[in-house]
N, C-alpha and C. Protein backbone atom coordinates (compact mmCIF):
# COMPACT_ATOMS: atom_id res chain seq x y z
N MET A 1 -53.56 91.38 231.72
CA MET A 1 -52.57 92.04 230.86
C MET A 1 -53.27 92.60 229.63
N PRO A 2 -52.95 93.85 229.19
CA PRO A 2 -53.61 94.42 228.03
C PRO A 2 -53.41 93.59 226.78
N ASP A 3 -54.41 93.61 225.91
CA ASP A 3 -54.39 92.92 224.63
C ASP A 3 -53.53 93.71 223.66
N ALA A 4 -52.48 93.07 223.12
CA ALA A 4 -51.56 93.77 222.22
C ALA A 4 -52.24 94.25 220.96
N THR A 5 -53.40 93.68 220.61
CA THR A 5 -54.15 94.14 219.44
C THR A 5 -54.98 95.38 219.75
N GLN A 6 -55.02 95.80 221.01
CA GLN A 6 -55.77 96.98 221.43
C GLN A 6 -54.80 97.98 222.07
N PRO A 7 -54.05 98.74 221.25
CA PRO A 7 -52.97 99.58 221.80
C PRO A 7 -53.45 100.66 222.76
N HIS A 8 -54.74 101.03 222.69
CA HIS A 8 -55.22 102.09 223.57
C HIS A 8 -55.31 101.64 225.02
N TYR A 9 -55.14 100.33 225.29
CA TYR A 9 -55.15 99.84 226.66
C TYR A 9 -53.81 100.06 227.36
N PHE A 10 -52.78 100.46 226.65
CA PHE A 10 -51.45 100.59 227.22
C PHE A 10 -51.19 102.02 227.67
N ALA A 11 -50.42 102.17 228.75
CA ALA A 11 -50.08 103.51 229.22
C ALA A 11 -49.31 104.28 228.16
N THR A 12 -48.38 103.60 227.50
CA THR A 12 -47.60 104.23 226.43
C THR A 12 -47.75 103.37 225.17
N PRO A 13 -48.66 103.73 224.26
CA PRO A 13 -48.85 102.92 223.05
C PRO A 13 -47.59 102.85 222.22
N ALA A 14 -47.38 101.70 221.57
CA ALA A 14 -46.24 101.54 220.68
C ALA A 14 -46.48 102.31 219.40
N GLY A 15 -45.40 102.67 218.74
CA GLY A 15 -45.51 103.32 217.44
C GLY A 15 -45.62 104.82 217.54
N PRO A 16 -45.46 105.50 216.41
CA PRO A 16 -45.52 106.97 216.39
C PRO A 16 -46.93 107.47 216.66
N GLU A 17 -46.99 108.69 217.16
CA GLU A 17 -48.29 109.26 217.52
C GLU A 17 -49.14 109.59 216.30
N GLN A 18 -48.55 110.26 215.31
CA GLN A 18 -49.23 110.60 214.06
C GLN A 18 -50.59 111.26 214.30
N ARG A 19 -50.53 112.45 214.87
CA ARG A 19 -51.78 113.19 215.11
C ARG A 19 -52.44 113.59 213.80
N ARG A 20 -53.77 113.71 213.86
CA ARG A 20 -54.54 114.13 212.70
C ARG A 20 -55.76 114.92 213.17
N ARG A 21 -56.30 115.75 212.30
CA ARG A 21 -57.50 116.51 212.62
C ARG A 21 -58.73 115.69 212.28
N LEU A 22 -59.78 115.88 213.07
CA LEU A 22 -61.03 115.16 212.89
C LEU A 22 -62.18 116.14 213.11
N ALA A 23 -63.10 116.19 212.15
CA ALA A 23 -64.30 117.02 212.27
C ALA A 23 -65.39 116.20 212.97
N VAL A 24 -65.94 116.73 214.05
CA VAL A 24 -66.95 116.01 214.82
C VAL A 24 -68.08 116.97 215.20
N HIS A 25 -69.21 116.40 215.63
CA HIS A 25 -70.31 117.18 216.22
C HIS A 25 -70.46 116.74 217.68
N LEU A 26 -70.28 117.67 218.58
CA LEU A 26 -70.43 117.41 220.01
C LEU A 26 -71.26 118.52 220.63
N ALA A 27 -72.22 118.15 221.45
CA ALA A 27 -73.09 119.13 222.11
C ALA A 27 -73.73 120.08 221.12
N GLY A 28 -74.08 119.56 219.94
CA GLY A 28 -74.74 120.37 218.92
C GLY A 28 -73.84 121.32 218.17
N GLN A 29 -72.53 121.17 218.32
CA GLN A 29 -71.59 122.07 217.67
C GLN A 29 -70.67 121.30 216.73
N ALA A 30 -70.32 121.92 215.62
CA ALA A 30 -69.32 121.37 214.71
C ALA A 30 -67.95 121.80 215.20
N LEU A 31 -67.09 120.83 215.46
CA LEU A 31 -65.79 121.10 216.06
C LEU A 31 -64.69 120.37 215.30
N ASP A 32 -63.49 120.91 215.37
CA ASP A 32 -62.30 120.21 214.90
C ASP A 32 -61.48 119.80 216.11
N VAL A 33 -61.14 118.51 216.19
CA VAL A 33 -60.31 118.00 217.28
C VAL A 33 -59.12 117.27 216.69
N GLU A 34 -58.19 116.91 217.55
CA GLU A 34 -57.05 116.09 217.13
C GLU A 34 -57.19 114.69 217.71
N THR A 35 -56.86 113.70 216.90
CA THR A 35 -56.77 112.33 217.37
C THR A 35 -55.39 111.80 216.96
N ALA A 36 -55.14 110.53 217.27
CA ALA A 36 -53.82 109.97 216.96
C ALA A 36 -53.89 108.46 216.98
N ASP A 37 -52.90 107.84 216.38
CA ASP A 37 -52.76 106.39 216.49
C ASP A 37 -52.56 106.02 217.96
N GLY A 38 -53.04 104.82 218.31
CA GLY A 38 -52.83 104.32 219.66
C GLY A 38 -53.84 104.79 220.67
N VAL A 39 -54.93 105.43 220.22
CA VAL A 39 -56.02 105.80 221.12
C VAL A 39 -57.32 105.20 220.59
N PHE A 40 -58.29 105.07 221.48
CA PHE A 40 -59.56 104.45 221.12
C PHE A 40 -60.32 105.29 220.09
N SER A 41 -60.82 104.61 219.06
CA SER A 41 -61.67 105.23 218.03
C SER A 41 -61.04 106.51 217.48
N ARG A 42 -59.86 106.35 216.92
CA ARG A 42 -59.08 107.52 216.47
C ARG A 42 -59.72 108.25 215.29
N ASP A 43 -60.58 107.57 214.51
CA ASP A 43 -61.08 108.14 213.25
C ASP A 43 -62.50 108.67 213.31
N ARG A 44 -63.16 108.58 214.48
CA ARG A 44 -64.57 108.97 214.53
C ARG A 44 -65.03 108.96 215.98
N VAL A 45 -66.24 109.49 216.19
CA VAL A 45 -66.95 109.21 217.44
C VAL A 45 -67.55 107.82 217.27
N ASP A 46 -67.08 106.85 218.06
CA ASP A 46 -67.51 105.47 217.86
C ASP A 46 -69.00 105.31 218.16
N ALA A 47 -69.57 104.19 217.70
CA ALA A 47 -71.02 104.00 217.77
C ALA A 47 -71.53 103.99 219.20
N GLY A 48 -70.82 103.34 220.12
CA GLY A 48 -71.27 103.29 221.50
C GLY A 48 -71.27 104.67 222.15
N THR A 49 -70.22 105.44 221.93
CA THR A 49 -70.16 106.79 222.47
C THR A 49 -71.27 107.65 221.89
N ALA A 50 -71.56 107.48 220.59
CA ALA A 50 -72.64 108.24 219.97
C ALA A 50 -73.98 107.91 220.62
N VAL A 51 -74.21 106.64 220.92
CA VAL A 51 -75.45 106.25 221.60
C VAL A 51 -75.52 106.90 222.98
N LEU A 52 -74.44 106.83 223.72
CA LEU A 52 -74.43 107.44 225.05
C LEU A 52 -74.72 108.93 224.98
N LEU A 53 -74.07 109.62 224.06
CA LEU A 53 -74.26 111.07 223.95
C LEU A 53 -75.69 111.41 223.56
N ARG A 54 -76.33 110.56 222.79
CA ARG A 54 -77.71 110.83 222.39
C ARG A 54 -78.71 110.53 223.52
N GLU A 55 -78.40 109.56 224.36
CA GLU A 55 -79.38 109.08 225.34
C GLU A 55 -79.18 109.65 226.75
N VAL A 56 -77.99 110.09 227.09
CA VAL A 56 -77.72 110.49 228.47
C VAL A 56 -78.29 111.88 228.73
N PRO A 57 -78.85 112.12 229.92
CA PRO A 57 -79.28 113.48 230.25
C PRO A 57 -78.08 114.40 230.41
N ALA A 58 -78.31 115.68 230.21
CA ALA A 58 -77.22 116.65 230.37
C ALA A 58 -76.67 116.59 231.79
N PRO A 59 -75.38 116.74 231.94
CA PRO A 59 -74.81 116.72 233.29
C PRO A 59 -75.16 117.99 234.04
N PRO A 60 -75.15 117.95 235.36
CA PRO A 60 -75.42 119.18 236.13
C PRO A 60 -74.33 120.21 235.90
N ASP A 61 -74.72 121.47 235.95
CA ASP A 61 -73.76 122.56 235.83
C ASP A 61 -73.51 123.13 237.22
N GLY A 62 -72.67 124.11 237.31
CA GLY A 62 -72.34 124.69 238.60
C GLY A 62 -71.02 124.15 239.11
N PRO A 63 -70.68 124.44 240.35
CA PRO A 63 -69.37 124.05 240.91
C PRO A 63 -69.36 122.59 241.34
N VAL A 64 -69.55 121.71 240.37
CA VAL A 64 -69.57 120.27 240.63
C VAL A 64 -68.42 119.62 239.87
N HIS A 65 -68.18 118.35 240.20
CA HIS A 65 -67.15 117.57 239.51
C HIS A 65 -67.84 116.50 238.66
N LEU A 66 -67.36 116.36 237.44
CA LEU A 66 -67.86 115.36 236.49
C LEU A 66 -66.69 114.49 236.06
N LEU A 67 -66.98 113.26 235.63
CA LEU A 67 -65.92 112.33 235.26
C LEU A 67 -66.21 111.66 233.92
N ASP A 68 -65.24 111.74 233.02
CA ASP A 68 -65.20 110.91 231.81
C ASP A 68 -64.20 109.81 232.09
N LEU A 69 -64.69 108.60 232.27
CA LEU A 69 -63.85 107.46 232.66
C LEU A 69 -63.43 106.69 231.42
N GLY A 70 -62.12 106.76 231.09
CA GLY A 70 -61.61 106.18 229.85
C GLY A 70 -61.80 107.15 228.72
N CYS A 71 -61.14 108.31 228.80
CA CYS A 71 -61.51 109.45 227.98
C CYS A 71 -61.13 109.35 226.51
N GLY A 72 -60.14 108.50 226.14
CA GLY A 72 -59.71 108.51 224.75
C GLY A 72 -59.27 109.91 224.35
N TRP A 73 -59.67 110.36 223.16
CA TRP A 73 -59.28 111.72 222.74
C TRP A 73 -60.20 112.80 223.30
N GLY A 74 -61.26 112.38 224.03
CA GLY A 74 -62.00 113.37 224.79
C GLY A 74 -63.44 113.62 224.39
N ALA A 75 -64.06 112.75 223.60
CA ALA A 75 -65.42 113.02 223.12
C ALA A 75 -66.39 113.30 224.26
N LEU A 76 -66.37 112.48 225.30
CA LEU A 76 -67.31 112.67 226.40
C LEU A 76 -66.92 113.86 227.27
N ALA A 77 -65.66 113.98 227.59
CA ALA A 77 -65.21 115.09 228.44
C ALA A 77 -65.48 116.44 227.78
N LEU A 78 -65.21 116.55 226.50
CA LEU A 78 -65.44 117.81 225.80
C LEU A 78 -66.93 118.14 225.78
N THR A 79 -67.77 117.13 225.57
CA THR A 79 -69.21 117.35 225.58
C THR A 79 -69.68 117.81 226.96
N MET A 80 -69.21 117.13 228.00
CA MET A 80 -69.56 117.55 229.36
C MET A 80 -69.18 119.01 229.60
N ALA A 81 -67.99 119.39 229.18
CA ALA A 81 -67.51 120.75 229.41
C ALA A 81 -68.31 121.77 228.60
N LEU A 82 -68.71 121.41 227.40
CA LEU A 82 -69.52 122.32 226.59
C LEU A 82 -70.91 122.52 227.20
N LEU A 83 -71.48 121.44 227.75
CA LEU A 83 -72.83 121.51 228.32
C LEU A 83 -72.83 122.10 229.73
N SER A 84 -71.73 121.96 230.45
CA SER A 84 -71.65 122.39 231.86
C SER A 84 -70.39 123.21 232.07
N PRO A 85 -70.38 124.43 231.56
CA PRO A 85 -69.14 125.22 231.57
C PRO A 85 -68.64 125.61 232.95
N ALA A 86 -69.51 125.57 233.97
CA ALA A 86 -69.06 125.93 235.32
C ALA A 86 -68.52 124.74 236.09
N ALA A 87 -68.63 123.54 235.53
CA ALA A 87 -68.19 122.33 236.22
C ALA A 87 -66.70 122.08 235.99
N THR A 88 -66.12 121.26 236.86
CA THR A 88 -64.79 120.72 236.64
C THR A 88 -64.95 119.31 236.08
N VAL A 89 -64.43 119.09 234.89
CA VAL A 89 -64.57 117.80 234.21
C VAL A 89 -63.23 117.06 234.28
N TRP A 90 -63.22 115.93 234.98
CA TRP A 90 -62.03 115.10 235.06
C TRP A 90 -62.08 114.08 233.93
N ALA A 91 -61.09 114.11 233.06
CA ALA A 91 -60.96 113.16 231.95
C ALA A 91 -59.83 112.21 232.30
N VAL A 92 -60.15 110.95 232.54
CA VAL A 92 -59.20 109.99 233.09
C VAL A 92 -58.94 108.87 232.09
N ASP A 93 -57.68 108.52 231.92
CA ASP A 93 -57.32 107.40 231.07
C ASP A 93 -55.94 106.92 231.49
N VAL A 94 -55.70 105.60 231.36
CA VAL A 94 -54.35 105.08 231.61
C VAL A 94 -53.41 105.38 230.45
N ASN A 95 -53.98 105.70 229.30
CA ASN A 95 -53.21 105.94 228.08
C ASN A 95 -52.70 107.38 228.07
N GLU A 96 -51.39 107.55 228.19
CA GLU A 96 -50.80 108.88 228.25
C GLU A 96 -51.10 109.70 226.99
N ARG A 97 -51.13 109.05 225.86
CA ARG A 97 -51.40 109.74 224.60
C ARG A 97 -52.84 110.27 224.59
N ALA A 98 -53.78 109.49 225.10
CA ALA A 98 -55.16 109.92 225.17
C ALA A 98 -55.31 111.12 226.10
N VAL A 99 -54.66 111.06 227.25
CA VAL A 99 -54.73 112.18 228.20
C VAL A 99 -54.19 113.46 227.56
N ALA A 100 -53.08 113.37 226.86
CA ALA A 100 -52.49 114.55 226.21
C ALA A 100 -53.42 115.09 225.13
N LEU A 101 -54.03 114.21 224.35
CA LEU A 101 -54.95 114.67 223.31
C LEU A 101 -56.15 115.38 223.91
N THR A 102 -56.74 114.79 224.95
CA THR A 102 -57.90 115.43 225.58
C THR A 102 -57.52 116.79 226.14
N ARG A 103 -56.37 116.86 226.80
CA ARG A 103 -55.91 118.13 227.35
C ARG A 103 -55.73 119.17 226.24
N ASP A 104 -55.11 118.78 225.14
CA ASP A 104 -54.87 119.72 224.05
C ASP A 104 -56.16 120.11 223.34
N ASN A 105 -57.07 119.15 223.17
CA ASN A 105 -58.35 119.48 222.53
C ASN A 105 -59.15 120.45 223.39
N ALA A 106 -59.16 120.24 224.70
CA ALA A 106 -59.88 121.16 225.58
C ALA A 106 -59.26 122.55 225.53
N ARG A 107 -57.96 122.63 225.53
CA ARG A 107 -57.28 123.92 225.49
C ARG A 107 -57.60 124.64 224.17
N ARG A 108 -57.58 123.91 223.07
CA ARG A 108 -57.85 124.51 221.77
C ARG A 108 -59.28 125.06 221.69
N LEU A 109 -60.20 124.37 222.37
CA LEU A 109 -61.60 124.79 222.34
C LEU A 109 -61.94 125.77 223.46
N GLY A 110 -60.97 126.15 224.25
CA GLY A 110 -61.20 127.12 225.31
C GLY A 110 -62.00 126.57 226.48
N LEU A 111 -61.90 125.27 226.72
CA LEU A 111 -62.65 124.62 227.79
C LEU A 111 -61.75 124.47 229.02
N GLY A 112 -61.68 125.54 229.79
CA GLY A 112 -60.75 125.59 230.90
C GLY A 112 -61.12 124.71 232.07
N GLY A 113 -62.34 124.16 232.10
CA GLY A 113 -62.75 123.31 233.20
C GLY A 113 -62.32 121.87 233.09
N VAL A 114 -61.70 121.49 231.98
CA VAL A 114 -61.30 120.10 231.77
C VAL A 114 -59.95 119.84 232.43
N ARG A 115 -59.90 118.77 233.21
CA ARG A 115 -58.65 118.31 233.83
C ARG A 115 -58.37 116.90 233.30
N ALA A 116 -57.49 116.78 232.33
CA ALA A 116 -57.15 115.49 231.74
C ALA A 116 -55.93 114.94 232.45
N VAL A 117 -56.12 113.79 233.14
CA VAL A 117 -55.07 113.28 234.03
C VAL A 117 -55.06 111.75 234.03
N ALA A 118 -53.99 111.20 234.57
CA ALA A 118 -53.93 109.77 234.85
C ALA A 118 -54.81 109.47 236.06
N PRO A 119 -55.27 108.22 236.20
CA PRO A 119 -56.19 107.90 237.31
C PRO A 119 -55.68 108.30 238.69
N ASP A 120 -54.41 108.10 238.97
CA ASP A 120 -53.89 108.38 240.30
C ASP A 120 -53.77 109.87 240.59
N ASP A 121 -54.00 110.72 239.59
CA ASP A 121 -53.85 112.16 239.78
C ASP A 121 -55.16 112.85 240.14
N VAL A 122 -56.24 112.10 240.28
CA VAL A 122 -57.51 112.68 240.75
C VAL A 122 -57.48 112.68 242.28
N PRO A 123 -57.68 113.82 242.92
CA PRO A 123 -57.66 113.85 244.39
C PRO A 123 -58.68 112.89 244.99
N ASP A 124 -58.30 112.26 246.09
CA ASP A 124 -59.14 111.24 246.71
C ASP A 124 -60.45 111.79 247.24
N ASP A 125 -60.50 113.08 247.54
CA ASP A 125 -61.71 113.64 248.15
C ASP A 125 -62.72 114.16 247.13
N VAL A 126 -62.46 113.98 245.85
CA VAL A 126 -63.39 114.45 244.82
C VAL A 126 -64.52 113.44 244.65
N ALA A 127 -65.77 113.92 244.71
CA ALA A 127 -66.96 113.11 244.43
C ALA A 127 -67.63 113.66 243.18
N PHE A 128 -68.19 112.78 242.39
CA PHE A 128 -68.67 113.15 241.06
C PHE A 128 -70.18 113.24 240.99
N ALA A 129 -70.67 114.36 240.48
CA ALA A 129 -72.10 114.54 240.26
C ALA A 129 -72.58 113.71 239.08
N ALA A 130 -71.68 113.38 238.15
CA ALA A 130 -72.02 112.52 237.02
C ALA A 130 -70.76 111.84 236.53
N ILE A 131 -70.91 110.59 236.13
CA ILE A 131 -69.84 109.83 235.48
C ILE A 131 -70.39 109.33 234.15
N TRP A 132 -69.67 109.60 233.08
CA TRP A 132 -70.00 109.04 231.76
C TRP A 132 -68.85 108.14 231.33
N SER A 133 -69.18 106.98 230.75
CA SER A 133 -68.11 106.08 230.33
C SER A 133 -68.58 105.12 229.24
N ASN A 134 -67.71 104.93 228.27
CA ASN A 134 -67.79 103.81 227.34
C ASN A 134 -66.67 102.87 227.78
N PRO A 135 -66.93 102.01 228.77
CA PRO A 135 -65.83 101.31 229.45
C PRO A 135 -65.15 100.29 228.55
N PRO A 136 -63.88 99.99 228.83
CA PRO A 136 -63.09 99.08 227.99
C PRO A 136 -63.44 97.62 228.26
N ILE A 137 -64.53 97.16 227.70
CA ILE A 137 -65.02 95.80 227.97
C ILE A 137 -63.96 94.76 227.62
N ARG A 138 -63.24 94.95 226.53
CA ARG A 138 -62.30 93.93 226.07
C ARG A 138 -61.01 93.88 226.89
N VAL A 139 -60.87 94.72 227.89
CA VAL A 139 -59.69 94.63 228.74
C VAL A 139 -59.76 93.40 229.64
N GLY A 140 -60.95 92.80 229.75
CA GLY A 140 -61.13 91.61 230.58
C GLY A 140 -61.89 91.94 231.85
N LYS A 141 -62.67 90.95 232.33
CA LYS A 141 -63.53 91.20 233.48
C LYS A 141 -62.79 91.65 234.73
N PRO A 142 -61.67 90.99 235.12
CA PRO A 142 -61.01 91.43 236.36
C PRO A 142 -60.62 92.91 236.33
N ALA A 143 -59.99 93.33 235.24
CA ALA A 143 -59.55 94.73 235.15
C ALA A 143 -60.75 95.67 235.05
N LEU A 144 -61.76 95.28 234.29
CA LEU A 144 -62.96 96.10 234.17
C LEU A 144 -63.66 96.26 235.51
N HIS A 145 -63.84 95.16 236.22
CA HIS A 145 -64.51 95.22 237.51
C HIS A 145 -63.71 96.07 238.51
N GLU A 146 -62.41 95.90 238.50
CA GLU A 146 -61.57 96.70 239.40
C GLU A 146 -61.73 98.19 239.11
N MET A 147 -61.76 98.54 237.83
CA MET A 147 -61.90 99.94 237.44
C MET A 147 -63.25 100.50 237.90
N LEU A 148 -64.33 99.76 237.67
CA LEU A 148 -65.65 100.26 238.02
C LEU A 148 -65.82 100.37 239.54
N LEU A 149 -65.27 99.41 240.27
CA LEU A 149 -65.39 99.48 241.73
C LEU A 149 -64.48 100.54 242.34
N ARG A 150 -63.53 101.00 241.58
CA ARG A 150 -62.71 102.12 242.05
C ARG A 150 -63.46 103.44 241.91
N TRP A 151 -64.21 103.62 240.82
CA TRP A 151 -64.76 104.93 240.51
C TRP A 151 -66.24 105.08 240.83
N LEU A 152 -67.06 104.06 240.64
CA LEU A 152 -68.49 104.23 240.88
C LEU A 152 -68.82 104.59 242.33
N PRO A 153 -68.12 104.04 243.33
CA PRO A 153 -68.41 104.47 244.71
C PRO A 153 -68.11 105.94 244.99
N ARG A 154 -67.44 106.61 244.06
CA ARG A 154 -67.11 108.03 244.25
C ARG A 154 -68.20 108.96 243.68
N LEU A 155 -69.33 108.39 243.30
CA LEU A 155 -70.47 109.24 242.95
C LEU A 155 -70.92 110.04 244.17
N ALA A 156 -71.29 111.29 243.95
CA ALA A 156 -71.92 112.08 244.99
C ALA A 156 -73.26 111.44 245.36
N PRO A 157 -73.79 111.72 246.55
CA PRO A 157 -75.03 111.07 246.98
C PRO A 157 -76.18 111.19 245.98
N ASP A 158 -76.27 112.32 245.28
CA ASP A 158 -77.34 112.48 244.29
C ASP A 158 -76.84 112.34 242.87
N GLY A 159 -75.64 111.77 242.71
CA GLY A 159 -75.05 111.63 241.38
C GLY A 159 -75.47 110.35 240.69
N ALA A 160 -75.15 110.26 239.39
CA ALA A 160 -75.46 109.07 238.60
C ALA A 160 -74.38 108.86 237.56
N ALA A 161 -74.12 107.58 237.30
CA ALA A 161 -73.20 107.19 236.23
C ALA A 161 -74.00 106.62 235.08
N HIS A 162 -73.55 106.87 233.87
CA HIS A 162 -74.14 106.26 232.67
C HIS A 162 -73.02 105.57 231.90
N LEU A 163 -73.20 104.27 231.70
CA LEU A 163 -72.22 103.43 231.00
C LEU A 163 -72.88 102.87 229.74
N VAL A 164 -72.17 102.87 228.63
CA VAL A 164 -72.70 102.27 227.41
C VAL A 164 -71.91 101.00 227.12
N VAL A 165 -72.65 99.90 226.87
CA VAL A 165 -72.03 98.59 226.68
C VAL A 165 -72.80 97.86 225.58
N GLN A 166 -72.07 97.21 224.69
CA GLN A 166 -72.74 96.41 223.66
C GLN A 166 -73.50 95.25 224.30
N LYS A 167 -74.69 94.99 223.78
CA LYS A 167 -75.48 93.88 224.31
C LYS A 167 -74.73 92.57 224.18
N ASN A 168 -74.10 92.33 223.01
CA ASN A 168 -73.44 91.04 222.80
C ASN A 168 -72.08 90.94 223.45
N LEU A 169 -71.66 91.98 224.16
CA LEU A 169 -70.41 91.92 224.93
C LEU A 169 -70.68 91.92 226.43
N GLY A 170 -71.93 91.59 226.81
CA GLY A 170 -72.19 91.35 228.22
C GLY A 170 -72.82 92.49 228.98
N ALA A 171 -73.60 93.34 228.30
CA ALA A 171 -74.24 94.46 229.01
C ALA A 171 -75.13 93.97 230.13
N ASP A 172 -75.93 92.92 229.87
CA ASP A 172 -76.87 92.46 230.89
C ASP A 172 -76.15 91.80 232.06
N SER A 173 -75.11 91.01 231.77
CA SER A 173 -74.37 90.36 232.87
C SER A 173 -73.61 91.41 233.68
N LEU A 174 -73.13 92.47 233.03
CA LEU A 174 -72.45 93.53 233.77
C LEU A 174 -73.44 94.24 234.69
N ALA A 175 -74.65 94.49 234.20
CA ALA A 175 -75.67 95.14 235.03
C ALA A 175 -76.00 94.28 236.25
N THR A 176 -76.12 92.98 236.05
CA THR A 176 -76.41 92.08 237.16
C THR A 176 -75.27 92.08 238.17
N TRP A 177 -74.04 92.04 237.68
CA TRP A 177 -72.88 92.05 238.57
C TRP A 177 -72.82 93.36 239.36
N LEU A 178 -73.03 94.48 238.70
CA LEU A 178 -72.98 95.77 239.38
C LEU A 178 -74.02 95.86 240.49
N ALA A 179 -75.21 95.37 240.20
CA ALA A 179 -76.29 95.45 241.19
C ALA A 179 -76.01 94.61 242.43
N ALA A 180 -75.12 93.64 242.31
CA ALA A 180 -74.80 92.77 243.44
C ALA A 180 -73.64 93.29 244.27
N GLN A 181 -73.00 94.39 243.84
CA GLN A 181 -71.81 94.86 244.54
C GLN A 181 -72.18 95.74 245.73
N VAL A 182 -71.41 95.61 246.80
CA VAL A 182 -71.50 96.49 247.97
C VAL A 182 -70.18 97.24 248.01
N PRO A 183 -70.15 98.52 247.60
CA PRO A 183 -68.88 99.23 247.43
C PRO A 183 -68.07 99.41 248.70
N ALA A 184 -68.72 99.42 249.87
CA ALA A 184 -67.97 99.62 251.13
C ALA A 184 -68.74 98.94 252.25
N PRO A 185 -68.05 98.56 253.32
CA PRO A 185 -68.74 97.91 254.45
C PRO A 185 -69.90 98.78 254.95
N GLY A 186 -71.07 98.19 255.03
CA GLY A 186 -72.23 98.90 255.50
C GLY A 186 -72.95 99.73 254.46
N ALA A 187 -72.37 99.84 253.26
CA ALA A 187 -73.00 100.64 252.20
C ALA A 187 -74.04 99.80 251.48
N PRO A 188 -75.09 100.45 250.96
CA PRO A 188 -76.10 99.71 250.20
C PRO A 188 -75.55 99.32 248.84
N PRO A 189 -76.14 98.31 248.20
CA PRO A 189 -75.73 97.97 246.84
C PRO A 189 -75.97 99.14 245.87
N LEU A 190 -75.28 99.11 244.77
CA LEU A 190 -75.53 100.09 243.73
C LEU A 190 -76.89 99.82 243.08
N ARG A 191 -77.58 100.87 242.71
CA ARG A 191 -78.83 100.74 241.97
C ARG A 191 -78.53 100.83 240.49
N VAL A 192 -78.94 99.84 239.74
CA VAL A 192 -78.62 99.76 238.31
C VAL A 192 -79.91 99.58 237.53
N GLU A 193 -80.06 100.35 236.45
CA GLU A 193 -81.21 100.18 235.56
C GLU A 193 -80.77 100.36 234.12
N ARG A 194 -81.51 99.76 233.22
CA ARG A 194 -81.27 99.96 231.79
C ARG A 194 -81.96 101.25 231.38
N ALA A 195 -81.19 102.26 231.09
CA ALA A 195 -81.76 103.56 230.77
C ALA A 195 -82.13 103.70 229.31
N ALA A 196 -81.50 102.94 228.43
CA ALA A 196 -81.78 103.05 227.00
C ALA A 196 -81.23 101.83 226.27
N ASN A 197 -81.83 101.55 225.10
CA ASN A 197 -81.35 100.51 224.19
C ASN A 197 -81.34 101.10 222.79
N ALA A 198 -80.21 100.97 222.09
CA ALA A 198 -80.15 101.51 220.74
C ALA A 198 -78.96 100.91 220.00
N ARG A 199 -79.19 100.54 218.75
CA ARG A 199 -78.11 100.13 217.84
C ARG A 199 -77.23 99.04 218.43
N GLY A 200 -77.82 98.10 219.17
CA GLY A 200 -77.06 97.01 219.74
C GLY A 200 -76.35 97.34 221.03
N TYR A 201 -76.66 98.48 221.62
CA TYR A 201 -76.03 98.90 222.88
C TYR A 201 -77.09 99.09 223.95
N ARG A 202 -76.67 98.92 225.19
CA ARG A 202 -77.47 99.33 226.32
C ARG A 202 -76.76 100.47 227.04
N VAL A 203 -77.54 101.40 227.53
CA VAL A 203 -77.01 102.44 228.42
C VAL A 203 -77.47 102.10 229.83
N LEU A 204 -76.53 101.85 230.71
CA LEU A 204 -76.82 101.50 232.10
C LEU A 204 -76.68 102.75 232.98
N ARG A 205 -77.69 102.97 233.80
CA ARG A 205 -77.64 104.06 234.78
C ARG A 205 -77.33 103.45 236.14
N VAL A 206 -76.34 103.99 236.82
CA VAL A 206 -75.90 103.46 238.10
C VAL A 206 -75.93 104.59 239.12
N GLU A 207 -76.55 104.33 240.27
CA GLU A 207 -76.61 105.29 241.36
C GLU A 207 -76.17 104.61 242.65
N ARG A 208 -75.74 105.42 243.62
CA ARG A 208 -75.38 104.88 244.93
C ARG A 208 -76.63 104.46 245.68
């Protein structure tokens, strides 16, 4: 069950939306976006996301599908779309307010490749050339594991996921758990490596 002290874990956060403008730097550009109460890191690009954006390689461009898993107001999805304008970027979140913010921010910035949707609205046949995520560690292990095992097996054969996790919130144990998973009968385990360490975070690279 979501933690009531973490409203961004809920499909419909309690309280008024109270949108506000936020000046950010994404993909080397100064941008104005909208954020709101009830979404993750409403007042800034949070430290973990900043580490991921600094350390992750640019996503592939072209007619590929990319995924921002747990999009919040859209920091990762907007960056992916700016760097890979020919790609389709799926921005997924259970939080309806976050999905609406990402959709509106992409529209305002002219990023027509962004598809901000609820998890069940991504077509089952879509495979992702890249997945970026600052996953919701505090939602609890069962829910976190279920989420990762739903999406990581949908990497394209040559695709890779990059996850940023605080060291003191179990980055190493999550890496060990991921490496032990077999996503489907007869499938090989996921390949997991520590791609970067910075500011108390690890960036985990996961491949099929």
